Amino acid sequence: MKRRFALVIALFLINTSQIFPAKIYAFTPYPQTAYAREFIEKCDGQEWFIDEVERLLNVREKSLNTINSRDDFVFIEIFGLKDKGIAGVLPRAIGELYNLRELFLSGNELTG
């Protein structure tokens, strides 16, 4: 009986996840270093950029809140948010990603 109940719950969760997609995580910065404050200011309020940089840093167990220099971005070589419906400006902070080799932002409404 317990297995059948667990199976019913699992199927329910699978089916409702398609109806109610998971909430997109939005990072709220609390910069703890001078460089982190400067970088976040250069993001020009573009949350899409802040969220993606934070996601990329998290892969390396880092955070925007604790970065110390642009060297913390050395591993970011590809930045891709193609066809995400993003609107806004390309932030000045993108210049800090000095090792960036590929940038995919087509299909969005960006300026600057």
PDB file of N, CA and C in Angstrom:
ATOM      1  N   MET A   1       0.825  -1.199   0.000  1.00  0.00           N
ATOM      2  CA  MET A   1       0.000   0.000   0.000  1.00  0.00           C
ATOM      3  C   MET A   1       0.869   1.261   0.000  1.00  0.00           C
ATOM      4  N   LYS A   2       1.942   1.239   0.782  1.00  0.00           N
ATOM      5  CA  LYS A   2       2.817   2.407   0.844  1.00  0.00           C
ATOM      6  C   LYS A   2       3.475   2.675  -0.505  1.00  0.00           C
ATOM      7  N   ARG A   3       3.874   1.603  -1.198  1.00  0.00           N
ATOM      8  CA  ARG A   3       4.502   1.767  -2.507  1.00  0.00           C
ATOM      9  C   ARG A   3       3.525   2.354  -3.518  1.00  0.00           C
ATOM     10  N   ARG A   4       2.294   1.873  -3.489  1.00  0.00           N
ATOM     11  CA  ARG A   4       1.278   2.371  -4.412  1.00  0.00           C
ATOM     12  C   ARG A   4       1.020   3.854  -4.143  1.00  0.00           C
ATOM     13  N   PHE A   5       0.938   4.233  -2.883  1.00  0.00           N
ATOM     14  CA  PHE A   5       0.730   5.628  -2.515  1.00  0.00           C
ATOM     15  C   PHE A   5       1.899   6.490  -2.989  1.00  0.00           C
ATOM     16  N   ALA A   6       3.114   6.010  -2.803  1.00  0.00           N
ATOM     17  CA  ALA A   6       4.309   6.739  -3.242  1.00  0.00           C
ATOM     18  C   ALA A   6       4.311   6.891  -4.752  1.00  0.00           C
ATOM     19  N   LEU A   7       3.890   5.865  -5.468  1.00  0.00           N
ATOM     20  CA  LEU A   7       3.829   5.928  -6.925  1.00  0.00           C
ATOM     21  C   LEU A   7       2.804   6.954  -7.379  1.00  0.00           C
ATOM     22  N   VAL A   8       1.659   6.989  -6.733  1.00  0.00           N
ATOM     23  CA  VAL A   8       0.614   7.958  -7.076  1.00  0.00           C
ATOM     24  C   VAL A   8       1.122   9.376  -6.830  1.00  0.00           C
ATOM     25  N   ILE A   9       1.782   9.588  -5.720  1.00  0.00           N
ATOM     26  CA  ILE A   9       2.337  10.918  -5.406  1.00  0.00           C
ATOM     27  C   ILE A   9       3.389  11.304  -6.441  1.00  0.00           C
ATOM     28  N   ALA A  10       4.274  10.378  -6.795  1.00  0.00           N
ATOM     29  CA  ALA A  10       5.321  10.659  -7.781  1.00  0.00           C
ATOM     30  C   ALA A  10       4.713  11.037  -9.127  1.00  0.00           C
ATOM     31  N   LEU A  11       3.710  10.299  -9.567  1.00  0.00           N
ATOM     32  CA  LEU A  11       3.052  10.612 -10.833  1.00  0.00           C
ATOM     33  C   LEU A  11       2.358  11.966 -10.779  1.00  0.00           C
ATOM     34  N   PHE A  12       1.736  12.262  -9.646  1.00  0.00           N
ATOM     35  CA  PHE A  12       1.095  13.560  -9.477  1.00  0.00           C
ATOM     36  C   PHE A  12       2.113  14.688  -9.593  1.00  0.00           C
ATOM     37  N   LEU A  13       3.257  14.543  -8.937  1.00  0.00           N
ATOM     38  CA  LEU A  13       4.288  15.581  -8.980  1.00  0.00           C
ATOM     39  C   LEU A  13       4.850  15.750 -10.380  1.00  0.00           C
ATOM     40  N   ILE A  14       5.044  14.669 -11.086  1.00  0.00           N
ATOM     41  CA  ILE A  14       5.550  14.747 -12.461  1.00  0.00           C
ATOM     42  C   ILE A  14       4.549  15.490 -13.335  1.00  0.00           C
ATOM     43  N   ASN A  15       3.280  15.143 -13.227  1.00  0.00           N
ATOM     44  CA  ASN A  15       2.260  15.782 -14.055  1.00  0.00           C
ATOM     45  C   ASN A  15       2.056  17.247 -13.699  1.00  0.00           C
ATOM     46  N   THR A  16       2.070  17.605 -12.427  1.00  0.00           N
ATOM     47  CA  THR A  16       1.848  18.998 -12.045  1.00  0.00           C
ATOM     48  C   THR A  16       3.076  19.847 -12.316  1.00  0.00           C
ATOM     49  N   SER A  17       4.263  19.241 -12.417  1.00  0.00           N
ATOM     50  CA  SER A  17       5.450  20.042 -12.707  1.00  0.00           C
ATOM     51  C   SER A  17       5.376  20.611 -14.113  1.00  0.00           C
ATOM     52  N   GLN A  18       4.633  19.960 -14.990  1.00  0.00           N
ATOM     53  CA  GLN A  18       4.466  20.493 -16.333  1.00  0.00           C
ATOM     54  C   GLN A  18       3.439  21.625 -16.339  1.00  0.00           C
ATOM     55  N   ILE A  19       2.482  21.578 -15.463  1.00  0.00           N
ATOM     56  CA  ILE A  19       1.461  22.622 -15.379  1.00  0.00           C
ATOM     57  C   ILE A  19       1.993  23.820 -14.610  1.00  0.00           C
ATOM     58  N   PHE A  20       2.685  23.564 -13.521  1.00  0.00           N
ATOM     59  CA  PHE A  20       3.239  24.605 -12.666  1.00  0.00           C
ATOM     60  C   PHE A  20       4.759  24.490 -12.678  1.00  0.00           C
ATOM     61  N   PRO A  21       5.441  25.132 -13.634  1.00  0.00           N
ATOM     62  CA  PRO A  21       6.892  25.012 -13.703  1.00  0.00           C
ATOM     63  C   PRO A  21       7.553  25.572 -12.453  1.00  0.00           C
ATOM     64  N   ALA A  22       8.737  25.064 -12.172  1.00  0.00           N
ATOM     65  CA  ALA A  22       9.481  25.516 -11.006  1.00  0.00           C
ATOM     66  C   ALA A  22       9.765  27.007 -11.108  1.00  0.00           C
ATOM     67  N   LYS A  23       9.754  27.688  -9.992  1.00  0.00           N
ATOM     68  CA  LYS A  23      10.026  29.117  -9.960  1.00  0.00           C
ATOM     69  C   LYS A  23      11.489  29.342 -10.341  1.00  0.00           C
ATOM     70  N   ILE A  24      11.717  30.348 -11.154  1.00  0.00           N
ATOM     71  CA  ILE A  24      13.077  30.681 -11.556  1.00  0.00           C
ATOM     72  C   ILE A  24      13.759  31.369 -10.380  1.00  0.00           C
ATOM     73  N   TYR A  25      14.949  30.902 -10.068  1.00  0.00           N
ATOM     74  CA  TYR A  25      15.716  31.436  -8.952  1.00  0.00           C
ATOM     75  C   TYR A  25      16.263  32.803  -9.306  1.00  0.00           C
ATOM     76  N   ALA A  26      16.053  33.771  -8.462  1.00  0.00           N
ATOM     77  CA  ALA A  26      16.597  35.112  -8.654  1.00  0.00           C
ATOM     78  C   ALA A  26      17.565  35.404  -7.511  1.00  0.00           C
ATOM     79  N   PHE A  27      18.793  35.696  -7.849  1.00  0.00           N
ATOM     80  CA  PHE A  27      19.838  35.987  -6.880  1.00  0.00           C
ATOM     81  C   PHE A  27      19.674  37.400  -6.342  1.00  0.00           C
ATOM     82  N   THR A  28      19.778  37.561  -5.048  1.00  0.00           N
ATOM     83  CA  THR A  28      19.755  38.876  -4.427  1.00  0.00           C
ATOM     84  C   THR A  28      21.152  39.158  -3.896  1.00  0.00           C
ATOM     85  N   PRO A  29      21.858  40.121  -4.505  1.00  0.00           N
ATOM     86  CA  PRO A  29      23.233  40.371  -4.089  1.00  0.00           C
ATOM     87  C   PRO A  29      23.349  41.084  -2.741  1.00  0.00           C
ATOM     88  N   TYR A  30      24.305  40.623  -1.949  1.00  0.00           N
ATOM     89  CA  TYR A  30      24.725  41.267  -0.703  1.00  0.00           C
ATOM     90  C   TYR A  30      26.246  41.301  -0.729  1.00  0.00           C
ATOM     91  N   PRO A  31      26.832  42.211  -1.544  1.00  0.00           N
ATOM     92  CA  PRO A  31      28.284  42.210  -1.737  1.00  0.00           C
ATOM     93  C   PRO A  31      29.053  42.426  -0.441  1.00  0.00           C
ATOM     94  N   GLN A  32      30.075  41.585  -0.263  1.00  0.00           N
ATOM     95  CA  GLN A  32      30.874  41.625   0.959  1.00  0.00           C
ATOM     96  C   GLN A  32      32.283  42.142   0.725  1.00  0.00           C
ATOM     97  N   THR A  33      32.636  42.433  -0.520  1.00  0.00           N
ATOM     98  CA  THR A  33      33.958  42.977  -0.830  1.00  0.00           C
ATOM     99  C   THR A  33      33.772  44.235  -1.679  1.00  0.00           C
ATOM    100  N   ALA A  34      34.813  45.060  -1.709  1.00  0.00           N
ATOM    101  CA  ALA A  34      34.762  46.278  -2.513  1.00  0.00           C
ATOM    102  C   ALA A  34      34.603  45.925  -3.992  1.00  0.00           C
ATOM    103  N   TYR A  35      35.307  44.900  -4.452  1.00  0.00           N
ATOM    104  CA  TYR A  35      35.201  44.522  -5.857  1.00  0.00           C
ATOM    105  C   TYR A  35      33.797  44.012  -6.180  1.00  0.00           C
ATOM    106  N   ALA A  36      33.213  43.248  -5.288  1.00  0.00           N
ATOM    107  CA  ALA A  36      31.856  42.744  -5.508  1.00  0.00           C
ATOM    108  C   ALA A  36      30.881  43.906  -5.645  1.00  0.00           C
ATOM    109  N   ARG A  37      31.030  44.937  -4.798  1.00  0.00           N
ATOM    110  CA  ARG A  37      30.161  46.115  -4.891  1.00  0.00           C
ATOM    111  C   ARG A  37      30.343  46.828  -6.239  1.00  0.00           C
ATOM    112  N   GLU A  38      31.592  46.982  -6.669  1.00  0.00           N
ATOM    113  CA  GLU A  38      31.880  47.638  -7.948  1.00  0.00           C
ATOM    114  C   GLU A  38      31.297  46.840  -9.111  1.00  0.00           C
ATOM    115  N   PHE A  39      31.486  45.526  -9.079  1.00  0.00           N
ATOM    116  CA  PHE A  39      30.994  44.686 -10.170  1.00  0.00           C
ATOM    117  C   PHE A  39      29.476  44.762 -10.263  1.00  0.00           C
ATOM    118  N   ILE A  40      28.801  44.632  -9.140  1.00  0.00           N
ATOM    119  CA  ILE A  40      27.338  44.656  -9.141  1.00  0.00           C
ATOM    120  C   ILE A  40      26.830  46.019  -9.613  1.00  0.00           C
ATOM    121  N   GLU A  41      27.525  47.089  -9.266  1.00  0.00           N
ATOM    122  CA  GLU A  41      27.149  48.418  -9.769  1.00  0.00           C
ATOM    123  C   GLU A  41      27.288  48.471 -11.289  1.00  0.00           C
ATOM    124  N   LYS A  42      28.337  47.845 -11.834  1.00  0.00           N
ATOM    125  CA  LYS A  42      28.554  47.819 -13.286  1.00  0.00           C
ATOM    126  C   LYS A  42      27.541  46.929 -14.011  1.00  0.00           C
ATOM    127  N   CYS A  43      26.780  46.154 -13.268  1.00  0.00           N
ATOM    128  CA  CYS A  43      25.740  45.317 -13.879  1.00  0.00           C
ATOM    129  C   CYS A  43      24.539  46.146 -14.309  1.00  0.00           C
ATOM    130  N   ASP A  44      24.533  47.424 -13.931  1.00  0.00           N
ATOM    131  CA  ASP A  44      23.502  48.370 -14.370  1.00  0.00           C
ATOM    132  C   ASP A  44      22.079  47.881 -14.108  1.00  0.00           C
ATOM    133  N   GLY A  45      21.893  47.134 -13.016  1.00  0.00           N
ATOM    134  CA  GLY A  45      20.560  46.671 -12.634  1.00  0.00           C
ATOM    135  C   GLY A  45      19.992  45.564 -13.503  1.00  0.00           C
ATOM    136  N   GLN A  46      20.807  44.969 -14.354  1.00  0.00           N
ATOM    137  CA  GLN A  46      20.344  43.915 -15.255  1.00  0.00           C
ATOM    138  C   GLN A  46      20.346  42.568 -14.525  1.00  0.00           C
ATOM    139  N   GLU A  47      19.200  42.231 -13.945  1.00  0.00           N
ATOM    140  CA  GLU A  47      19.081  41.014 -13.133  1.00  0.00           C
ATOM    141  C   GLU A  47      19.393  39.756 -13.932  1.00  0.00           C
ATOM    142  N   TRP A  48      19.050  39.701 -15.204  1.00  0.00           N
ATOM    143  CA  TRP A  48      19.331  38.535 -16.034  1.00  0.00           C
ATOM    144  C   TRP A  48      20.826  38.256 -16.071  1.00  0.00           C
ATOM    145  N   PHE A  49      21.625  39.331 -16.129  1.00  0.00           N
ATOM    146  CA  PHE A  49      23.081  39.196 -16.166  1.00  0.00           C
ATOM    147  C   PHE A  49      23.611  38.765 -14.799  1.00  0.00           C
ATOM    148  N   ILE A  50      23.131  39.424 -13.762  1.00  0.00           N
ATOM    149  CA  ILE A  50      23.552  39.088 -12.397  1.00  0.00           C
ATOM    150  C   ILE A  50      23.226  37.627 -12.088  1.00  0.00           C
ATOM    151  N   ASP A  51      22.023  37.186 -12.417  1.00  0.00           N
ATOM    152  CA  ASP A  51      21.615  35.804 -12.139  1.00  0.00           C
ATOM    153  C   ASP A  51      22.488  34.797 -12.879  1.00  0.00           C
ATOM    154  N   GLU A  52      22.810  35.079 -14.137  1.00  0.00           N
ATOM    155  CA  GLU A  52      23.610  34.130 -14.919  1.00  0.00           C
ATOM    156  C   GLU A  52      25.060  34.097 -14.435  1.00  0.00           C
ATOM    157  N   VAL A  53      25.635  35.241 -14.108  1.00  0.00           N
ATOM    158  CA  VAL A  53      27.009  35.252 -13.579  1.00  0.00           C
ATOM    159  C   VAL A  53      27.045  34.519 -12.247  1.00  0.00           C
ATOM    160  N   GLU A  54      26.048  34.736 -11.412  1.00  0.00           N
ATOM    161  CA  GLU A  54      25.993  34.019 -10.125  1.00  0.00           C
ATOM    162  C   GLU A  54      25.890  32.518 -10.356  1.00  0.00           C
ATOM    163  N   ARG A  55      25.058  32.108 -11.310  1.00  0.00           N
ATOM    164  CA  ARG A  55      24.926  30.682 -11.613  1.00  0.00           C
ATOM    165  C   ARG A  55      26.265  30.094 -12.059  1.00  0.00           C
ATOM    166  N   LEU A  56      26.968  30.804 -12.931  1.00  0.00           N
ATOM    167  CA  LEU A  56      28.272  30.320 -13.403  1.00  0.00           C
ATOM    168  C   LEU A  56      29.297  30.260 -12.264  1.00  0.00           C
ATOM    169  N   LEU A  57      29.268  31.245 -11.385  1.00  0.00           N
ATOM    170  CA  LEU A  57      30.177  31.230 -10.228  1.00  0.00           C
ATOM    171  C   LEU A  57      29.848  30.079  -9.285  1.00  0.00           C
ATOM    172  N   ASN A  58      28.565  29.818  -9.080  1.00  0.00           N
ATOM    173  CA  ASN A  58      28.151  28.745  -8.168  1.00  0.00           C
ATOM    174  C   ASN A  58      28.689  27.393  -8.596  1.00  0.00           C
ATOM    175  N   VAL A  59      28.857  27.195  -9.903  1.00  0.00           N
ATOM    176  CA  VAL A  59      29.422  25.943 -10.405  1.00  0.00           C
ATOM    177  C   VAL A  59      30.817  25.730  -9.818  1.00  0.00           C
ATOM    178  N   ARG A  60      31.527  26.810  -9.571  1.00  0.00           N
ATOM    179  CA  ARG A  60      32.880  26.758  -8.999  1.00  0.00           C
ATOM    180  C   ARG A  60      32.876  27.036  -7.495  1.00  0.00           C
ATOM    181  N   GLU A  61      31.700  26.930  -6.887  1.00  0.00           N
ATOM    182  CA  GLU A  61      31.526  27.164  -5.453  1.00  0.00           C
ATOM    183  C   GLU A  61      31.972  28.568  -5.049  1.00  0.00           C
ATOM    184  N   LYS A  62      31.621  29.529  -5.895  1.00  0.00           N
ATOM    185  CA  LYS A  62      31.901  30.938  -5.626  1.00  0.00           C
ATOM    186  C   LYS A  62      30.584  31.697  -5.681  1.00  0.00           C
ATOM    187  N   SER A  63      30.635  32.974  -5.296  1.00  0.00           N
ATOM    188  CA  SER A  63      29.448  33.818  -5.326  1.00  0.00           C
ATOM    189  C   SER A  63      29.842  35.247  -5.665  1.00  0.00           C
ATOM    190  N   LEU A  64      28.932  35.953  -6.321  1.00  0.00           N
ATOM    191  CA  LEU A  64      29.160  37.372  -6.586  1.00  0.00           C
ATOM    192  C   LEU A  64      29.392  38.149  -5.298  1.00  0.00           C
ATOM    193  N   ASN A  65      28.801  37.697  -4.232  1.00  0.00           N
ATOM    194  CA  ASN A  65      28.918  38.411  -2.956  1.00  0.00           C
ATOM    195  C   ASN A  65      30.338  38.425  -2.410  1.00  0.00           C
ATOM    196  N   THR A  66      31.151  37.465  -2.795  1.00  0.00           N
ATOM    197  CA  THR A  66      32.477  37.335  -2.182  1.00  0.00           C
ATOM    198  C   THR A  66      33.636  37.407  -3.177  1.00  0.00           C
ATOM    199  N   ILE A  67      33.370  37.791  -4.431  1.00  0.00           N
ATOM    200  CA  ILE A  67      34.471  37.881  -5.392  1.00  0.00           C
ATOM    201  C   ILE A  67      35.428  38.991  -4.990  1.00  0.00           C
ATOM    202  N   ASN A  68      36.715  38.787  -5.298  1.00  0.00           N
ATOM    203  CA  ASN A  68      37.744  39.739  -4.901  1.00  0.00           C
ATOM    204  C   ASN A  68      38.368  40.496  -6.057  1.00  0.00           C
ATOM    205  N   SER A  69      38.316  39.917  -7.257  1.00  0.00           N
ATOM    206  CA  SER A  69      38.898  40.570  -8.426  1.00  0.00           C
ATOM    207  C   SER A  69      38.329  39.939  -9.680  1.00  0.00           C
ATOM    208  N   ARG A  70      38.665  40.517 -10.820  1.00  0.00           N
ATOM    209  CA  ARG A  70      38.185  39.957 -12.078  1.00  0.00           C
ATOM    210  C   ARG A  70      38.773  38.580 -12.338  1.00  0.00           C
ATOM    211  N   ASP A  71      39.822  38.225 -11.623  1.00  0.00           N
ATOM    212  CA  ASP A  71      40.397  36.879 -11.762  1.00  0.00           C
ATOM    213  C   ASP A  71      39.414  35.794 -11.330  1.00  0.00           C
ATOM    214  N   ASP A  72      38.414  36.145 -10.544  1.00  0.00           N
ATOM    215  CA  ASP A  72      37.391  35.167 -10.152  1.00  0.00           C
ATOM    216  C   ASP A  72      36.536  34.731 -11.342  1.00  0.00           C
ATOM    217  N   PHE A  73      36.633  35.468 -12.459  1.00  0.00           N
ATOM    218  CA  PHE A  73      35.865  35.132 -13.665  1.00  0.00           C
ATOM    219  C   PHE A  73      36.701  34.418 -14.722  1.00  0.00           C
ATOM    220  N   VAL A  74      37.925  34.058 -14.411  1.00  0.00           N
ATOM    221  CA  VAL A  74      38.849  33.509 -15.418  1.00  0.00           C
ATOM    222  C   VAL A  74      38.269  32.298 -16.150  1.00  0.00           C
ATOM    223  N   PHE A  75      37.459  31.507 -15.497  1.00  0.00           N
ATOM    224  CA  PHE A  75      36.917  30.282 -16.101  1.00  0.00           C
ATOM    225  C   PHE A  75      35.691  30.547 -16.979  1.00  0.00           C
ATOM    226  N   ILE A  76      35.136  31.752 -16.946  1.00  0.00           N
ATOM    227  CA  ILE A  76      33.952  32.049 -17.763  1.00  0.00           C
ATOM    228  C   ILE A  76      34.417  32.378 -19.175  1.00  0.00           C
ATOM    229  N   GLU A  77      34.284  31.397 -20.046  1.00  0.00           N
ATOM    230  CA  GLU A  77      34.688  31.543 -21.440  1.00  0.00           C
ATOM    231  C   GLU A  77      33.493  31.587 -22.385  1.00  0.00           C
ATOM    232  N   ILE A  78      32.364  31.065 -21.934  1.00  0.00           N
ATOM    233  CA  ILE A  78      31.152  31.035 -22.740  1.00  0.00           C
ATOM    234  C   ILE A  78      30.006  31.613 -21.910  1.00  0.00           C
ATOM    235  N   PHE A  79      29.259  32.506 -22.518  1.00  0.00           N
ATOM    236  CA  PHE A  79      28.108  33.117 -21.844  1.00  0.00           C
ATOM    237  C   PHE A  79      26.956  33.045 -22.828  1.00  0.00           C
ATOM    238  N   GLY A  80      25.965  32.249 -22.519  1.00  0.00           N
ATOM    239  CA  GLY A  80      24.888  32.053 -23.468  1.00  0.00           C
ATOM    240  C   GLY A  80      23.507  32.132 -22.871  1.00  0.00           C
ATOM    241  N   LEU A  81      22.722  33.067 -23.365  1.00  0.00           N
ATOM    242  CA  LEU A  81      21.315  33.196 -22.982  1.00  0.00           C
ATOM    243  C   LEU A  81      20.500  33.476 -24.233  1.00  0.00           C
ATOM    244  N   LYS A  82      20.685  32.649 -25.237  1.00  0.00           N
ATOM    245  CA  LYS A  82      20.015  32.814 -26.524  1.00  0.00           C
ATOM    246  C   LYS A  82      18.510  32.544 -26.382  1.00  0.00           C
ATOM    247  N   ASP A  83      17.710  33.393 -27.021  1.00  0.00           N
ATOM    248  CA  ASP A  83      16.256  33.226 -27.081  1.00  0.00           C
ATOM    249  C   ASP A  83      15.595  33.118 -25.707  1.00  0.00           C
ATOM    250  N   LYS A  84      15.987  33.961 -24.781  1.00  0.00           N
ATOM    251  CA  LYS A  84      15.409  33.937 -23.430  1.00  0.00           C
ATOM    252  C   LYS A  84      14.408  35.063 -23.191  1.00  0.00           C
ATOM    253  N   GLY A  85      14.154  35.888 -24.205  1.00  0.00           N
ATOM    254  CA  GLY A  85      13.197  36.980 -24.040  1.00  0.00           C
ATOM    255  C   GLY A  85      13.697  38.080 -23.131  1.00  0.00           C
ATOM    256  N   ILE A  86      14.992  38.244 -23.068  1.00  0.00           N
ATOM    257  CA  ILE A  86      15.596  39.253 -22.195  1.00  0.00           C
ATOM    258  C   ILE A  86      15.513  40.618 -22.861  1.00  0.00           C
ATOM    259  N   ALA A  87      15.146  41.619 -22.085  1.00  0.00           N
ATOM    260  CA  ALA A  87      15.120  42.998 -22.560  1.00  0.00           C
ATOM    261  C   ALA A  87      15.967  43.840 -21.618  1.00  0.00           C
ATOM    262  N   GLY A  88      16.556  44.877 -22.157  1.00  0.00           N
ATOM    263  CA  GLY A  88      17.361  45.769 -21.330  1.00  0.00           C
ATOM    264  C   GLY A  88      18.641  46.149 -22.033  1.00  0.00           C
ATOM    265  N   VAL A  89      19.622  46.536 -21.260  1.00  0.00           N
ATOM    266  CA  VAL A  89      20.905  46.957 -21.812  1.00  0.00           C
ATOM    267  C   VAL A  89      21.978  45.907 -21.528  1.00  0.00           C
ATOM    268  N   LEU A  90      22.967  45.901 -22.377  1.00  0.00           N
ATOM    269  CA  LEU A  90      24.130  45.061 -22.146  1.00  0.00           C
ATOM    270  C   LEU A  90      24.956  45.768 -21.070  1.00  0.00           C
ATOM    271  N   PRO A  91      25.127  45.169 -19.899  1.00  0.00           N
ATOM    272  CA  PRO A  91      25.770  45.882 -18.793  1.00  0.00           C
ATOM    273  C   PRO A  91      27.270  46.080 -19.004  1.00  0.00           C
ATOM    274  N   ARG A  92      27.779  47.145 -18.419  1.00  0.00           N
ATOM    275  CA  ARG A  92      29.210  47.443 -18.468  1.00  0.00           C
ATOM    276  C   ARG A  92      30.035  46.308 -17.876  1.00  0.00           C
ATOM    277  N   ALA A  93      29.476  45.584 -16.928  1.00  0.00           N
ATOM    278  CA  ALA A  93      30.199  44.520 -16.224  1.00  0.00           C
ATOM    279  C   ALA A  93      30.640  43.398 -17.144  1.00  0.00           C
ATOM    280  N   ILE A  94      30.048  43.297 -18.325  1.00  0.00           N
ATOM    281  CA  ILE A  94      30.446  42.223 -19.233  1.00  0.00           C
ATOM    282  C   ILE A  94      31.929  42.354 -19.590  1.00  0.00           C
ATOM    283  N   GLY A  95      32.463  43.557 -19.526  1.00  0.00           N
ATOM    284  CA  GLY A  95      33.884  43.787 -19.780  1.00  0.00           C
ATOM    285  C   GLY A  95      34.794  43.151 -18.744  1.00  0.00           C
ATOM    286  N   GLU A  96      34.258  42.835 -17.583  1.00  0.00           N
ATOM    287  CA  GLU A  96      35.043  42.182 -16.532  1.00  0.00           C
ATOM    288  C   GLU A  96      35.259  40.704 -16.829  1.00  0.00           C
ATOM    289  N   LEU A  97      34.454  40.144 -17.716  1.00  0.00           N
ATOM    290  CA  LEU A  97      34.593  38.732 -18.087  1.00  0.00           C
ATOM    291  C   LEU A  97      35.668  38.649 -19.171  1.00  0.00           C
ATOM    292  N   TYR A  98      36.904  38.897 -18.777  1.00  0.00           N
ATOM    293  CA  TYR A  98      38.001  39.098 -19.718  1.00  0.00           C
ATOM    294  C   TYR A  98      38.411  37.850 -20.485  1.00  0.00           C
ATOM    295  N   ASN A  99      38.010  36.691 -20.049  1.00  0.00           N
ATOM    296  CA  ASN A  99      38.372  35.447 -20.731  1.00  0.00           C
ATOM    297  C   ASN A  99      37.234  34.949 -21.622  1.00  0.00           C
ATOM    298  N   LEU A 100      36.217  35.776 -21.796  1.00  0.00           N
ATOM    299  CA  LEU A 100      35.042  35.416 -22.586  1.00  0.00           C
ATOM    300  C   LEU A 100      35.432  35.209 -24.053  1.00  0.00           C
ATOM    301  N   ARG A 101      35.082  34.040 -24.576  1.00  0.00           N
ATOM    302  CA  ARG A 101      35.407  33.693 -25.962  1.00  0.00           C
ATOM    303  C   ARG A 101      34.159  33.629 -26.838  1.00  0.00           C
ATOM    304  N   GLU A 102      33.030  33.224 -26.250  1.00  0.00           N
ATOM    305  CA  GLU A 102      31.790  33.083 -27.000  1.00  0.00           C
ATOM    306  C   GLU A 102      30.648  33.723 -26.213  1.00  0.00           C
ATOM    307  N   LEU A 103      29.878  34.549 -26.918  1.00  0.00           N
ATOM    308  CA  LEU A 103      28.753  35.255 -26.316  1.00  0.00           C
ATOM    309  C   LEU A 103      27.525  35.014 -27.181  1.00  0.00           C
ATOM    310  N   PHE A 104      26.512  34.378 -26.608  1.00  0.00           N
ATOM    311  CA  PHE A 104      25.287  34.050 -27.335  1.00  0.00           C
ATOM    312  C   PHE A 104      24.116  34.780 -26.685  1.00  0.00           C
ATOM    313  N   LEU A 105      23.670  35.853 -27.316  1.00  0.00           N
ATOM    314  CA  LEU A 105      22.558  36.633 -26.781  1.00  0.00           C
ATOM    315  C   LEU A 105      21.506  36.938 -27.841  1.00  0.00           C
ATOM    316  N   SER A 106      21.570  36.274 -28.984  1.00  0.00           N
ATOM    317  CA  SER A 106      20.593  36.544 -30.033  1.00  0.00           C
ATOM    318  C   SER A 106      19.202  36.103 -29.592  1.00  0.00           C
ATOM    319  N   GLY A 107      18.201  36.662 -30.224  1.00  0.00           N
ATOM    320  CA  GLY A 107      16.831  36.308 -29.890  1.00  0.00           C
ATOM    321  C   GLY A 107      16.318  37.030 -28.656  1.00  0.00           C
ATOM    322  N   ASN A 108      17.006  38.076 -28.247  1.00  0.00           N
ATOM    323  CA  ASN A 108      16.597  38.881 -27.093  1.00  0.00           C
ATOM    324  C   ASN A 108      16.423  40.330 -27.560  1.00  0.00           C
ATOM    325  N   GLU A 109      16.021  41.192 -26.652  1.00  0.00           N
ATOM    326  CA  GLU A 109      15.811  42.600 -26.976  1.00  0.00           C
ATOM    327  C   GLU A 109      16.761  43.460 -26.173  1.00  0.00           C
ATOM    328  N   LEU A 110      18.058  43.315 -26.455  1.00  0.00           N
ATOM    329  CA  LEU A 110      19.089  44.035 -25.722  1.00  0.00           C
ATOM    330  C   LEU A 110      19.580  45.226 -26.536  1.00  0.00           C
ATOM    331  N   THR A 111      20.003  46.260 -25.825  1.00  0.00           N
ATOM    332  CA  THR A 111      20.564  47.442 -26.455  1.00  0.00           C
ATOM    333  C   THR A 111      21.894  47.760 -25.780  1.00  0.00           C
ATOM    334  N   GLY A 112      22.607  48.705 -26.366  1.00  0.00           N
ATOM    335  CA  GLY A 112      23.862  49.160 -25.747  1.00  0.00           C
ATOM    336  C   GLY A 112      25.079  48.433 -26.226  1.00  0.00           C
TER     337      GLY A 112
END
